[in-house]
């Protein structure tokens, strides 16, 4: 999970947890044709996570494996710049 997705909610987190509990598989959020974060990643991927570098995060791991998904419609909205923030509050 990151801190720049302003529309993250308790409901999204509950959906992630419920999907994980039901499947016991890694679960990622789906938005704008992207499978991404927030996500619950099971320990089978930890060694790959430890080797990550750069700013791409776990996207490569999420997209190259068979993760379950939940819909997070506003997940693509993130705040990386002052301009992003200003657009959000308009």
Protein backbone atom coordinates (compact mmCIF):
# COMPACT_ATOMS: atom_id res chain seq x y z
CA UNK A 1 0.00 0.00 0.00
CA UNK A 2 1.14 3.52 -0.69
CA UNK A 3 0.08 6.82 0.76
CA UNK A 4 -0.72 8.76 -2.43
CA UNK A 5 -4.07 7.17 -3.36
CA UNK A 6 -6.61 9.53 -1.74
CA UNK A 7 -9.60 7.30 -2.39
CA UNK A 8 -8.35 4.28 -0.49
CA UNK A 9 -10.98 3.29 2.02
CA UNK A 10 -11.80 0.78 4.70
CA UNK A 11 -14.09 -0.92 2.17
CA UNK A 12 -11.24 -1.47 -0.32
CA UNK A 13 -9.03 -2.93 2.39
CA UNK A 14 -11.84 -5.18 3.64
CA UNK A 15 -12.41 -6.45 0.09
CA UNK A 16 -8.70 -7.27 -0.25
CA UNK A 17 -8.71 -9.14 3.05
CA UNK A 18 -11.93 -11.02 2.29
CA UNK A 19 -10.68 -12.11 -1.14
CA UNK A 20 -7.40 -13.28 0.41
CA UNK A 21 -9.21 -15.18 3.16
CA UNK A 22 -11.50 -16.84 0.62
CA UNK A 23 -8.74 -17.87 -1.79
CA UNK A 24 -5.49 -17.87 0.21
CA UNK A 25 -3.90 -16.32 -2.91
CA UNK A 26 -2.24 -12.97 -3.47
CA UNK A 27 -4.77 -10.24 -4.24
CA UNK A 28 -4.29 -6.96 -6.11
CA UNK A 29 -6.48 -3.98 -6.91
CA UNK A 30 -7.76 -3.49 -10.44
CA UNK A 31 -8.32 -0.04 -11.95
CA UNK A 32 -7.93 1.54 -15.40
CA UNK A 33 -6.84 -1.83 -16.88
CA UNK A 34 -4.06 -1.99 -14.29
CA UNK A 35 -3.55 -4.68 -11.68
CA UNK A 36 -1.71 -2.96 -8.86
CA UNK A 37 -1.73 -1.71 -5.31
CA UNK A 38 -2.97 -1.86 -2.70
CA UNK A 39 -2.36 -5.58 -2.66
CA UNK A 40 -1.89 -8.51 -0.36
CA UNK A 41 1.13 -10.47 -1.50
CA UNK A 42 1.71 -13.93 -0.09
CA UNK A 43 5.07 -15.07 1.19
CA UNK A 44 5.83 -17.10 -1.94
CA UNK A 45 6.74 -13.77 -3.60
CA UNK A 46 8.81 -12.29 -0.77
CA UNK A 47 12.17 -13.22 -2.29
CA UNK A 48 11.19 -11.38 -5.50
CA UNK A 49 10.03 -8.37 -3.50
CA UNK A 50 13.34 -8.19 -1.65
CA UNK A 51 15.14 -7.90 -5.00
CA UNK A 52 13.09 -4.95 -6.29
CA UNK A 53 14.91 -1.76 -7.22
CA UNK A 54 13.79 1.53 -8.70
CA UNK A 55 10.37 3.11 -8.50
CA UNK A 56 8.20 0.46 -10.17
CA UNK A 57 7.39 -1.31 -6.93
CA UNK A 58 5.74 -4.70 -7.09
CA UNK A 59 3.84 -4.11 -10.34
CA UNK A 60 6.07 -6.50 -12.27
CA UNK A 61 5.50 -9.24 -9.71
CA UNK A 62 1.76 -8.60 -9.61
CA UNK A 63 1.37 -8.61 -13.38
CA UNK A 64 3.54 -11.64 -14.09
CA UNK A 65 1.75 -13.94 -11.66
CA UNK A 66 -1.74 -15.25 -11.10
CA UNK A 67 -3.11 -12.79 -8.54
CA UNK A 68 -6.76 -12.58 -7.58
CA UNK A 69 -8.27 -9.11 -7.98
CA UNK A 70 -10.73 -6.70 -6.49
CA UNK A 71 -12.11 -3.62 -8.22
CA UNK A 72 -10.84 -0.27 -6.89
CA UNK A 73 -12.45 2.12 -9.38
CA UNK A 74 -10.64 5.24 -8.17
CA UNK A 75 -7.30 3.53 -7.60
CA UNK A 76 -5.66 5.23 -10.58
CA UNK A 77 -6.05 8.62 -8.92
CA UNK A 78 -2.87 9.37 -7.04
CA UNK A 79 -1.18 12.49 -5.80
CA UNK A 80 2.46 12.76 -6.87
CA UNK A 81 2.75 16.49 -7.53
CA UNK A 82 1.28 19.79 -6.41
CA UNK A 83 -0.56 19.90 -9.74
CA UNK A 84 -2.12 16.49 -9.00
CA UNK A 85 -3.30 17.80 -5.65
CA UNK A 86 -4.71 21.00 -7.14
CA UNK A 87 -6.62 18.99 -9.74
CA UNK A 88 -8.02 16.74 -7.02
CA UNK A 89 -9.42 19.58 -4.92
CA UNK A 90 -11.06 21.36 -7.86
